Amino acid sequence: MSKDKQNHYTLTISCPDTTGIVAKVASFLADQDAFIHESAHFGDPISKRFFMRSVFSAGSFTPGQETFTQKFSKIAERFQMVWGLHDANRKPRLLIMVSKFDHCLNDLLYRYRTGDLPVEIPAVVSNHPDLAPLAEWHNVPFHHMPTSPETKREQEAAVLRMVDDLDIDLVVLARYMQILTPAMSDRLRGRCINIHHSFLPGFKGARPYHQAHTQGVKLIGATAHYVSADLDEGPIIDQAVERVDHTYKPEDLVRVGRDIENVVLARAVRYHVEHRVLLNGNKTVILR
């Protein structure tokens, strides 16, 4: 572990809830000459699990990462922790998948190009060629990988090889209008985010804004969630809504919905890459 005090690390923890976890972690970091910049935690009274996220910088006497890990592993074993230590100097690597709708892709690439989203994006994958110019304008490699019912498994296998070859941390479905197979969903569990153009759990599947119009809703929204084998039922990361009324036509709902989708997806991606999202069964804990 670097001795540069400007180097930050994020420690994430999930474990059965019990007394003394916060004190033990804080005292351990202090003993390792680590300076804590942020710390947030939550004990869920329903699941009886505890969640913690601490951001710290290494001091002059902080041990190397291997020694740090060995020392903390003793605490982790005692409290039955699922934990991770993340170097803030390493930018998470994203692979974005998209079909023909360009608004979420454009928003993410803009945030990436301007430095607002601290990630690397080594590839955009699409089952259509339409958005190649947009990716190329942002200097991001574009891969046209068409799919059909007959070739779906082969296409997904090629995508997963790309995930491995490019050392991808997170796959983002930015209006990728294909349903992933259960095998691919399981392979990417906890590291694949989808933006659903509806306020889940209502109006699942296709044409949700048209469903909403038919029902005369007064609020429309968008939902970012982790992908699971069950369609649109993965753990929810972020949601937002906008008020509408009887004067809105379906195309008006689509227009309003695009803006909500951009914000919700970008926020969910940021939460993930900043290691603020911890899984709690089929739910998430967001440690802001």
C-alpha atoms as a PDB file:
ATOM      1  CA  MET A   1       0.000   0.000   0.000  1.00  0.00           C
ATOM      2  CA  SER A   2       1.393   3.390  -0.950  1.00  0.00           C
ATOM      3  CA  LYS A   3       2.634   5.653   1.827  1.00  0.00           C
ATOM      4  CA  ASP A   4       1.418   8.710  -0.105  1.00  0.00           C
ATOM      5  CA  LYS A   5      -1.113  10.382   2.180  1.00  0.00           C
ATOM      6  CA  GLN A   6      -3.065  11.534  -0.868  1.00  0.00           C
ATOM      7  CA  ASN A   7      -3.822   7.920  -1.845  1.00  0.00           C
ATOM      8  CA  HIS A   8      -7.283   6.968  -0.717  1.00  0.00           C
ATOM      9  CA  TYR A   9      -8.803   3.537  -0.176  1.00  0.00           C
ATOM     10  CA  THR A  10     -12.361   2.395   0.378  1.00  0.00           C
ATOM     11  CA  LEU A  11     -13.128  -0.436   2.771  1.00  0.00           C
ATOM     12  CA  THR A  12     -16.562  -2.058   2.374  1.00  0.00           C
ATOM     13  CA  ILE A  13     -18.027  -4.530   4.841  1.00  0.00           C
ATOM     14  CA  SER A  14     -21.140  -6.693   5.114  1.00  0.00           C
ATOM     15  CA  CYS A  15     -21.627  -9.106   8.000  1.00  0.00           C
ATOM     16  CA  PRO A  16     -24.076 -10.319  10.667  1.00  0.00           C
ATOM     17  CA  ASP A  17     -24.984  -7.416  12.928  1.00  0.00           C
ATOM     18  CA  THR A  18     -23.476  -7.435  16.387  1.00  0.00           C
ATOM     19  CA  THR A  19     -21.904  -5.135  18.969  1.00  0.00           C
ATOM     20  CA  GLY A  20     -18.467  -3.639  18.482  1.00  0.00           C
ATOM     21  CA  ILE A  21     -17.958  -3.703  14.709  1.00  0.00           C
ATOM     22  CA  VAL A  22     -17.553   0.057  14.217  1.00  0.00           C
ATOM     23  CA  ALA A  23     -15.206   0.393  17.177  1.00  0.00           C
ATOM     24  CA  LYS A  24     -13.081  -2.538  16.043  1.00  0.00           C
ATOM     25  CA  VAL A  25     -12.741  -1.284  12.456  1.00  0.00           C
ATOM     26  CA  ALA A  26     -12.004   2.292  13.520  1.00  0.00           C
ATOM     27  CA  SER A  27      -9.387   1.236  16.058  1.00  0.00           C
ATOM     28  CA  PHE A  28      -7.773  -1.108  13.517  1.00  0.00           C
ATOM     29  CA  LEU A  29      -7.450   1.699  10.954  1.00  0.00           C
ATOM     30  CA  ALA A  30      -6.020   4.009  13.603  1.00  0.00           C
ATOM     31  CA  ASP A  31      -3.500   1.344  14.614  1.00  0.00           C
ATOM     32  CA  GLN A  32      -2.403   1.106  10.953  1.00  0.00           C
ATOM     33  CA  ASP A  33      -1.774   4.875  10.810  1.00  0.00           C
ATOM     34  CA  ALA A  34      -4.745   5.321   8.443  1.00  0.00           C
ATOM     35  CA  PHE A  35      -6.674   8.603   8.417  1.00  0.00           C
ATOM     36  CA  ILE A  36     -10.441   8.147   8.024  1.00  0.00           C
ATOM     37  CA  HIS A  37     -12.061  10.695   5.690  1.00  0.00           C
ATOM     38  CA  GLU A  38     -15.568   9.210   5.446  1.00  0.00           C
ATOM     39  CA  SER A  39     -17.443   6.524   7.316  1.00  0.00           C
ATOM     40  CA  ALA A  40     -21.044   5.372   7.024  1.00  0.00           C
ATOM     41  CA  HIS A  41     -22.787   2.301   8.366  1.00  0.00           C
ATOM     42  CA  PHE A  42     -26.218   0.730   8.687  1.00  0.00           C
ATOM     43  CA  GLY A  43     -27.625  -2.127  10.704  1.00  0.00           C
ATOM     44  CA  ASP A  44     -30.709  -3.697   9.129  1.00  0.00           C
ATOM     45  CA  PRO A  45     -33.128  -4.816  11.869  1.00  0.00           C
ATOM     46  CA  ILE A  46     -34.957  -7.074   9.391  1.00  0.00           C
ATOM     47  CA  SER A  47     -32.099  -9.039   7.837  1.00  0.00           C
ATOM     48  CA  LYS A  48     -29.929  -8.655  10.979  1.00  0.00           C
ATOM     49  CA  ARG A  49     -26.980  -7.676   8.783  1.00  0.00           C
ATOM     50  CA  PHE A  50     -24.538  -4.812   9.179  1.00  0.00           C
ATOM     51  CA  PHE A  51     -23.066  -2.698   6.364  1.00  0.00           C
ATOM     52  CA  MET A  52     -20.137  -0.293   6.494  1.00  0.00           C
ATOM     53  CA  ARG A  53     -18.108   1.864   4.098  1.00  0.00           C
ATOM     54  CA  SER A  54     -14.987   3.728   5.193  1.00  0.00           C
ATOM     55  CA  VAL A  55     -12.725   5.916   3.052  1.00  0.00           C
ATOM     56  CA  PHE A  56      -9.218   6.423   4.400  1.00  0.00           C
ATOM     57  CA  SER A  57      -5.747   7.490   3.316  1.00  0.00           C
ATOM     58  CA  ALA A  58      -2.540   5.650   4.092  1.00  0.00           C
ATOM     59  CA  GLY A  59      -0.158   7.216   6.579  1.00  0.00           C
ATOM     60  CA  SER A  60       3.609   6.978   6.847  1.00  0.00           C
ATOM     61  CA  PHE A  61       3.420   3.752   8.852  1.00  0.00           C
ATOM     62  CA  THR A  62       0.505   2.078   7.046  1.00  0.00           C
ATOM     63  CA  PRO A  63       1.656  -1.408   5.985  1.00  0.00           C
ATOM     64  CA  GLY A  64       1.668  -2.653   2.416  1.00  0.00           C
ATOM     65  CA  GLN A  65      -1.591  -3.947   0.970  1.00  0.00           C
ATOM     66  CA  GLU A  66      -0.705  -7.614   1.437  1.00  0.00           C
ATOM     67  CA  THR A  67       0.174  -7.135   5.106  1.00  0.00           C
ATOM     68  CA  PHE A  68      -2.852  -4.870   5.636  1.00  0.00           C
ATOM     69  CA  THR A  69      -5.097  -7.558   4.143  1.00  0.00           C
ATOM     70  CA  GLN A  70      -3.581 -10.300   6.284  1.00  0.00           C
ATOM     71  CA  LYS A  71      -4.062  -8.277   9.450  1.00  0.00           C
ATOM     72  CA  PHE A  72      -7.636  -7.260   8.681  1.00  0.00           C
ATOM     73  CA  SER A  73      -8.554 -10.808   7.641  1.00  0.00           C
ATOM     74  CA  LYS A  74      -8.372 -11.819  11.303  1.00  0.00           C
ATOM     75  CA  ILE A  75     -11.040  -9.241  12.165  1.00  0.00           C
ATOM     76  CA  ALA A  76     -13.079 -10.203   9.111  1.00  0.00           C
ATOM     77  CA  GLU A  77     -13.041 -13.860  10.135  1.00  0.00           C
ATOM     78  CA  ARG A  78     -14.123 -13.023  13.672  1.00  0.00           C
ATOM     79  CA  PHE A  79     -17.168 -11.041  12.450  1.00  0.00           C
ATOM     80  CA  GLN A  80     -17.901 -13.274   9.386  1.00  0.00           C
ATOM     81  CA  MET A  81     -17.378 -10.330   7.041  1.00  0.00           C
ATOM     82  CA  VAL A  82     -17.765 -10.133   3.299  1.00  0.00           C
ATOM     83  CA  TRP A  83     -15.369  -7.287   2.612  1.00  0.00           C
ATOM     84  CA  GLY A  84     -13.345  -5.483  -0.008  1.00  0.00           C
ATOM     85  CA  LEU A  85     -10.465  -3.017  -0.109  1.00  0.00           C
ATOM     86  CA  HIS A  86     -10.564  -0.712  -3.137  1.00  0.00           C
ATOM     87  CA  ASP A  87      -7.793   1.587  -4.357  1.00  0.00           C
ATOM     88  CA  ALA A  88      -9.265   4.971  -5.290  1.00  0.00           C
ATOM     89  CA  ASN A  89      -6.444   5.545  -7.761  1.00  0.00           C
ATOM     90  CA  ARG A  90      -7.729   2.706  -9.941  1.00  0.00           C
ATOM     91  CA  LYS A  91     -10.621   3.813 -12.113  1.00  0.00           C
ATOM     92  CA  PRO A  92     -13.300   1.126 -12.544  1.00  0.00           C
ATOM     93  CA  ARG A  93     -13.616  -0.145 -16.122  1.00  0.00           C
ATOM     94  CA  LEU A  94     -17.064  -0.045 -17.759  1.00  0.00           C
ATOM     95  CA  LEU A  95     -18.472  -1.827 -20.771  1.00  0.00           C
ATOM     96  CA  ILE A  96     -21.638  -0.126 -22.042  1.00  0.00           C
ATOM     97  CA  MET A  97     -24.252  -2.063 -24.006  1.00  0.00           C
ATOM     98  CA  VAL A  98     -26.857  -0.206 -26.045  1.00  0.00           C
ATOM     99  CA  SER A  99     -29.312  -0.724 -28.900  1.00  0.00           C
ATOM    100  CA  LYS A 100     -30.714   2.248 -30.845  1.00  0.00           C
ATOM    101  CA  PHE A 101     -31.817   4.751 -28.184  1.00  0.00           C
ATOM    102  CA  ASP A 102     -28.851   7.053 -27.664  1.00  0.00           C
ATOM    103  CA  HIS A 103     -29.722   9.341 -24.734  1.00  0.00           C
ATOM    104  CA  CYS A 104     -28.288   7.268 -21.868  1.00  0.00           C
ATOM    105  CA  LEU A 105     -25.153   6.385 -23.834  1.00  0.00           C
ATOM    106  CA  ASN A 106     -24.637  10.017 -24.796  1.00  0.00           C
ATOM    107  CA  ASP A 107     -25.067  11.146 -21.184  1.00  0.00           C
ATOM    108  CA  LEU A 108     -22.610   8.574 -19.793  1.00  0.00           C
ATOM    109  CA  LEU A 109     -20.009   9.286 -22.472  1.00  0.00           C
ATOM    110  CA  TYR A 110     -20.296  13.023 -21.850  1.00  0.00           C
ATOM    111  CA  ARG A 111     -19.783  12.547 -18.108  1.00  0.00           C
ATOM    112  CA  TYR A 112     -16.832  10.269 -18.870  1.00  0.00           C
ATOM    113  CA  ARG A 113     -15.231  12.638 -21.393  1.00  0.00           C
ATOM    114  CA  THR A 114     -15.505  15.658 -19.088  1.00  0.00           C
ATOM    115  CA  GLY A 115     -14.106  13.748 -16.111  1.00  0.00           C
ATOM    116  CA  ASP A 116     -17.330  13.985 -14.104  1.00  0.00           C
ATOM    117  CA  LEU A 117     -17.584  10.191 -13.999  1.00  0.00           C
ATOM    118  CA  PRO A 118     -14.268   8.747 -12.772  1.00  0.00           C
ATOM    119  CA  VAL A 119     -14.163   5.588 -14.878  1.00  0.00           C
ATOM    120  CA  GLU A 120     -12.533   4.074 -17.946  1.00  0.00           C
ATOM    121  CA  ILE A 121     -14.764   3.003 -20.842  1.00  0.00           C
ATOM    122  CA  PRO A 122     -12.772   0.720 -23.148  1.00  0.00           C
ATOM    123  CA  ALA A 123     -15.762  -0.457 -25.188  1.00  0.00           C
ATOM    124  CA  VAL A 124     -19.323   0.136 -26.286  1.00  0.00           C
ATOM    125  CA  VAL A 125     -21.198  -2.927 -27.556  1.00  0.00           C
ATOM    126  CA  SER A 126     -24.395  -2.750 -29.584  1.00  0.00           C
ATOM    127  CA  ASN A 127     -26.625  -5.173 -31.431  1.00  0.00           C
ATOM    128  CA  HIS A 128     -27.146  -2.412 -34.037  1.00  0.00           C
ATOM    129  CA  PRO A 129     -24.587  -0.266 -35.912  1.00  0.00           C
ATOM    130  CA  ASP A 130     -26.480   3.030 -35.523  1.00  0.00           C
ATOM    131  CA  LEU A 131     -24.559   4.542 -32.595  1.00  0.00           C
ATOM    132  CA  ALA A 132     -21.031   3.886 -33.843  1.00  0.00           C
ATOM    133  CA  PRO A 133     -20.497   7.587 -34.769  1.00  0.00           C
ATOM    134  CA  LEU A 134     -21.477   8.694 -31.249  1.00  0.00           C
ATOM    135  CA  ALA A 135     -18.997   6.336 -29.590  1.00  0.00           C
ATOM    136  CA  GLU A 136     -16.266   7.215 -32.070  1.00  0.00           C
ATOM    137  CA  TRP A 137     -16.803  10.951 -31.458  1.00  0.00           C
ATOM    138  CA  HIS A 138     -15.997  10.278 -27.799  1.00  0.00           C
ATOM    139  CA  ASN A 139     -12.967   8.181 -28.825  1.00  0.00           C
ATOM    140  CA  VAL A 140     -14.459   5.003 -27.389  1.00  0.00           C
ATOM    141  CA  PRO A 141     -14.146   1.748 -29.418  1.00  0.00           C
ATOM    142  CA  PHE A 142     -17.496   0.564 -30.778  1.00  0.00           C
ATOM    143  CA  HIS A 143     -18.279  -3.113 -31.347  1.00  0.00           C
ATOM    144  CA  HIS A 144     -21.269  -4.111 -33.478  1.00  0.00           C
ATOM    145  CA  MET A 145     -22.347  -7.519 -32.202  1.00  0.00           C
ATOM    146  CA  PRO A 146     -25.736  -8.408 -33.732  1.00  0.00           C
ATOM    147  CA  THR A 147     -27.885 -11.023 -32.078  1.00  0.00           C
ATOM    148  CA  SER A 148     -30.862 -13.179 -32.951  1.00  0.00           C
ATOM    149  CA  PRO A 149     -32.683 -15.997 -31.176  1.00  0.00           C
ATOM    150  CA  GLU A 150     -30.413 -18.426 -32.999  1.00  0.00           C
ATOM    151  CA  THR A 151     -27.149 -16.631 -32.199  1.00  0.00           C
ATOM    152  CA  LYS A 152     -27.940 -15.169 -28.763  1.00  0.00           C
ATOM    153  CA  ARG A 153     -25.777 -17.560 -26.759  1.00  0.00           C
ATOM    154  CA  GLU A 154     -22.824 -17.147 -29.111  1.00  0.00           C
ATOM    155  CA  GLN A 155     -23.150 -13.344 -28.953  1.00  0.00           C
ATOM    156  CA  GLU A 156     -23.326 -13.358 -25.172  1.00  0.00           C
ATOM    157  CA  ALA A 157     -20.301 -15.656 -24.978  1.00  0.00           C
ATOM    158  CA  ALA A 158     -18.383 -13.155 -27.136  1.00  0.00           C
ATOM    159  CA  VAL A 159     -19.439 -10.298 -24.839  1.00  0.00           C
ATOM    160  CA  LEU A 160     -18.313 -12.237 -21.756  1.00  0.00           C
ATOM    161  CA  ARG A 161     -14.943 -12.916 -23.398  1.00  0.00           C
ATOM    162  CA  MET A 162     -14.638  -9.166 -23.940  1.00  0.00           C
ATOM    163  CA  VAL A 163     -15.513  -8.573 -20.270  1.00  0.00           C
ATOM    164  CA  ASP A 164     -12.641 -10.862 -19.289  1.00  0.00           C
ATOM    165  CA  ASP A 165     -10.152  -9.614 -21.899  1.00  0.00           C
ATOM    166  CA  LEU A 166     -10.742  -5.935 -21.060  1.00  0.00           C
ATOM    167  CA  ASP A 167     -10.788  -6.499 -17.295  1.00  0.00           C
ATOM    168  CA  ILE A 168     -14.288  -5.017 -17.041  1.00  0.00           C
ATOM    169  CA  ASP A 169     -15.615  -4.198 -13.565  1.00  0.00           C
ATOM    170  CA  LEU A 170     -19.149  -3.148 -14.505  1.00  0.00           C
ATOM    171  CA  VAL A 171     -21.447  -3.759 -17.466  1.00  0.00           C
ATOM    172  CA  VAL A 172     -24.019  -1.005 -18.034  1.00  0.00           C
ATOM    173  CA  LEU A 173     -27.149  -1.682 -20.063  1.00  0.00           C
ATOM    174  CA  ALA A 174     -27.872   1.839 -21.334  1.00  0.00           C
ATOM    175  CA  ARG A 175     -31.172   0.995 -23.020  1.00  0.00           C
ATOM    176  CA  TYR A 176     -29.924  -2.308 -24.386  1.00  0.00           C
ATOM    177  CA  MET A 177     -33.187  -3.732 -25.644  1.00  0.00           C
ATOM    178  CA  GLN A 178     -32.334  -7.394 -25.268  1.00  0.00           C
ATOM    179  CA  ILE A 179     -33.119  -9.720 -22.381  1.00  0.00           C
ATOM    180  CA  LEU A 180     -29.976 -11.372 -21.060  1.00  0.00           C
ATOM    181  CA  THR A 181     -30.058 -15.133 -20.650  1.00  0.00           C
ATOM    182  CA  PRO A 182     -30.126 -16.484 -17.089  1.00  0.00           C
ATOM    183  CA  ALA A 183     -26.580 -17.797 -17.586  1.00  0.00           C
ATOM    184  CA  MET A 184     -25.233 -14.352 -18.487  1.00  0.00           C
ATOM    185  CA  SER A 185     -27.250 -12.673 -15.738  1.00  0.00           C
ATOM    186  CA  ASP A 186     -25.786 -15.058 -13.163  1.00  0.00           C
ATOM    187  CA  ARG A 187     -22.258 -14.565 -14.520  1.00  0.00           C
ATOM    188  CA  LEU A 188     -22.586 -10.789 -14.111  1.00  0.00           C
ATOM    189  CA  ARG A 189     -24.398 -10.857 -10.776  1.00  0.00           C
ATOM    190  CA  GLY A 190     -23.772  -7.661  -8.826  1.00  0.00           C
ATOM    191  CA  ARG A 191     -21.810  -6.036 -11.653  1.00  0.00           C
ATOM    192  CA  CYS A 192     -24.384  -5.372 -14.362  1.00  0.00           C
ATOM    193  CA  ILE A 193     -26.707  -2.358 -14.086  1.00  0.00           C
ATOM    194  CA  ASN A 194     -29.810  -1.860 -16.217  1.00  0.00           C
ATOM    195  CA  ILE A 195     -31.918   1.270 -16.657  1.00  0.00           C
ATOM    196  CA  HIS A 196     -35.599   0.417 -16.849  1.00  0.00           C
ATOM    197  CA  HIS A 197     -37.814   3.077 -18.342  1.00  0.00           C
ATOM    198  CA  SER A 198     -40.448   2.708 -15.666  1.00  0.00           C
ATOM    199  CA  PHE A 199     -40.832   3.104 -11.923  1.00  0.00           C
ATOM    200  CA  LEU A 200     -40.500  -0.554 -10.948  1.00  0.00           C
ATOM    201  CA  PRO A 201     -42.092  -2.777  -9.839  1.00  0.00           C
ATOM    202  CA  GLY A 202     -44.950  -1.422 -11.993  1.00  0.00           C
ATOM    203  CA  PHE A 203     -45.162  -1.455 -15.819  1.00  0.00           C
ATOM    204  CA  LYS A 204     -42.578  -4.122 -16.534  1.00  0.00           C
ATOM    205  CA  GLY A 205     -41.521  -5.277 -19.964  1.00  0.00           C
ATOM    206  CA  ALA A 206     -42.058  -3.445 -23.245  1.00  0.00           C
ATOM    207  CA  ARG A 207     -43.659  -0.010 -23.838  1.00  0.00           C
ATOM    208  CA  PRO A 208     -44.020   0.964 -20.163  1.00  0.00           C
ATOM    209  CA  TYR A 209     -44.815   4.614 -20.985  1.00  0.00           C
ATOM    210  CA  HIS A 210     -47.712   3.464 -23.153  1.00  0.00           C
ATOM    211  CA  GLN A 211     -48.870   1.233 -20.309  1.00  0.00           C
ATOM    212  CA  ALA A 212     -48.624   4.229 -17.980  1.00  0.00           C
ATOM    213  CA  HIS A 213     -50.639   6.389 -20.386  1.00  0.00           C
ATOM    214  CA  THR A 214     -53.352   3.750 -20.619  1.00  0.00           C
ATOM    215  CA  GLN A 215     -53.586   3.681 -16.818  1.00  0.00           C
ATOM    216  CA  GLY A 216     -53.697   7.487 -16.544  1.00  0.00           C
ATOM    217  CA  VAL A 217     -50.775   7.743 -14.150  1.00  0.00           C
ATOM    218  CA  LYS A 218     -49.845  11.048 -12.504  1.00  0.00           C
ATOM    219  CA  LEU A 219     -46.202  10.109 -11.874  1.00  0.00           C
ATOM    220  CA  ILE A 220     -43.756   8.478 -14.234  1.00  0.00           C
ATOM    221  CA  GLY A 221     -40.253   7.393 -13.395  1.00  0.00           C
ATOM    222  CA  ALA A 222     -37.190   5.310 -14.107  1.00  0.00           C
ATOM    223  CA  THR A 223     -35.385   2.602 -12.178  1.00  0.00           C
ATOM    224  CA  ALA A 224     -31.744   1.539 -12.202  1.00  0.00           C
ATOM    225  CA  HIS A 225     -31.221  -1.971 -10.873  1.00  0.00           C
ATOM    226  CA  TYR A 226     -28.791  -4.851 -10.944  1.00  0.00           C
ATOM    227  CA  VAL A 227     -29.616  -7.443 -13.547  1.00  0.00           C
ATOM    228  CA  SER A 228     -30.874 -10.798 -12.331  1.00  0.00           C
ATOM    229  CA  ALA A 229     -32.252 -13.910 -13.999  1.00  0.00           C
ATOM    230  CA  ASP A 230     -35.766 -12.651 -13.180  1.00  0.00           C
ATOM    231  CA  LEU A 231     -36.731  -9.940 -15.671  1.00  0.00           C
ATOM    232  CA  ASP A 232     -36.714  -6.444 -14.139  1.00  0.00           C
ATOM    233  CA  GLU A 233     -36.648  -7.838 -10.592  1.00  0.00           C
ATOM    234  CA  GLY A 234     -32.989  -7.344  -9.647  1.00  0.00           C
ATOM    235  CA  PRO A 235     -31.944  -5.269  -6.606  1.00  0.00           C
ATOM    236  CA  ILE A 236     -32.913  -1.613  -7.104  1.00  0.00           C
ATOM    237  CA  ILE A 237     -30.131   0.971  -6.844  1.00  0.00           C
ATOM    238  CA  ASP A 238     -31.863   4.253  -7.669  1.00  0.00           C
ATOM    239  CA  GLN A 239     -35.218   5.635  -8.808  1.00  0.00           C
ATOM    240  CA  ALA A 240     -36.766   8.988  -9.652  1.00  0.00           C
ATOM    241  CA  VAL A 241     -40.182  10.286 -10.709  1.00  0.00           C
ATOM    242  CA  GLU A 242     -41.664  13.292 -12.476  1.00  0.00           C
ATOM    243  CA  ARG A 243     -45.239  14.585 -12.172  1.00  0.00           C
ATOM    244  CA  VAL A 244     -47.403  14.469 -15.309  1.00  0.00           C
ATOM    245  CA  ASP A 245     -51.091  15.026 -16.033  1.00  0.00           C
ATOM    246  CA  HIS A 246     -53.927  14.175 -18.391  1.00  0.00           C
ATOM    247  CA  THR A 247     -52.583  16.450 -21.154  1.00  0.00           C
ATOM    248  CA  TYR A 248     -49.487  14.315 -21.718  1.00  0.00           C
ATOM    249  CA  LYS A 249     -49.507  12.058 -24.770  1.00  0.00           C
ATOM    250  CA  PRO A 250     -47.361   8.890 -24.836  1.00  0.00           C
ATOM    251  CA  GLU A 251     -44.626  10.721 -26.750  1.00  0.00           C
ATOM    252  CA  ASP A 252     -44.620  13.421 -24.057  1.00  0.00           C
ATOM    253  CA  LEU A 253     -44.090  10.761 -21.392  1.00  0.00           C
ATOM    254  CA  VAL A 254     -41.228   9.330 -23.440  1.00  0.00           C
ATOM    255  CA  ARG A 255     -39.624  12.788 -23.665  1.00  0.00           C
ATOM    256  CA  VAL A 256     -39.872  13.402 -19.921  1.00  0.00           C
ATOM    257  CA  GLY A 257     -38.784   9.853 -19.222  1.00  0.00           C
ATOM    258  CA  ARG A 258     -35.559  10.226 -21.198  1.00  0.00           C
ATOM    259  CA  ASP A 259     -34.335  12.936 -18.838  1.00  0.00           C
ATOM    260  CA  ILE A 260     -35.183  10.863 -15.769  1.00  0.00           C
ATOM    261  CA  GLU A 261     -33.417   7.809 -17.208  1.00  0.00           C
ATOM    262  CA  ASN A 262     -30.216   9.770 -17.803  1.00  0.00           C
ATOM    263  CA  VAL A 263     -30.057  11.049 -14.229  1.00  0.00           C
ATOM    264  CA  VAL A 264     -31.025   7.776 -12.551  1.00  0.00           C
ATOM    265  CA  LEU A 265     -28.593   5.637 -14.547  1.00  0.00           C
ATOM    266  CA  ALA A 266     -25.682   8.038 -14.059  1.00  0.00           C
ATOM    267  CA  ARG A 267     -26.388   8.208 -10.334  1.00  0.00           C
ATOM    268  CA  ALA A 268     -26.545   4.414 -10.025  1.00  0.00           C
ATOM    269  CA  VAL A 269     -23.279   3.991 -11.923  1.00  0.00           C
ATOM    270  CA  ARG A 270     -21.597   6.570  -9.696  1.00  0.00           C
ATOM    271  CA  TYR A 271     -22.850   4.852  -6.524  1.00  0.00           C
ATOM    272  CA  HIS A 272     -21.474   1.549  -7.800  1.00  0.00           C
ATOM    273  CA  VAL A 273     -18.031   2.769  -8.872  1.00  0.00           C
ATOM    274  CA  GLU A 274     -17.641   4.659  -5.588  1.00  0.00           C
ATOM    275  CA  HIS A 275     -18.412   1.381  -3.767  1.00  0.00           C
ATOM    276  CA  ARG A 276     -21.477   2.819  -2.065  1.00  0.00           C
ATOM    277  CA  VAL A 277     -23.803  -0.059  -3.004  1.00  0.00           C
ATOM    278  CA  LEU A 278     -23.909  -3.163  -0.824  1.00  0.00           C
ATOM    279  CA  LEU A 279     -26.274  -6.050  -1.531  1.00  0.00           C
ATOM    280  CA  ASN A 280     -28.756  -6.985   1.166  1.00  0.00           C
ATOM    281  CA  GLY A 281     -30.549 -10.034  -0.208  1.00  0.00           C
ATOM    282  CA  ASN A 282     -32.709  -8.783  -3.079  1.00  0.00           C
ATOM    283  CA  LYS A 283     -32.293  -5.187  -1.895  1.00  0.00           C
ATOM    284  CA  THR A 284     -29.445  -2.732  -1.733  1.00  0.00           C
ATOM    285  CA  VAL A 285     -27.957  -0.527   0.941  1.00  0.00           C
ATOM    286  CA  ILE A 286     -26.633   2.782  -0.466  1.00  0.00           C
ATOM    287  CA  LEU A 287     -24.070   4.290   1.909  1.00  0.00           C
ATOM    288  CA  ARG A 288     -23.930   7.930   0.852  1.00  0.00           C
END
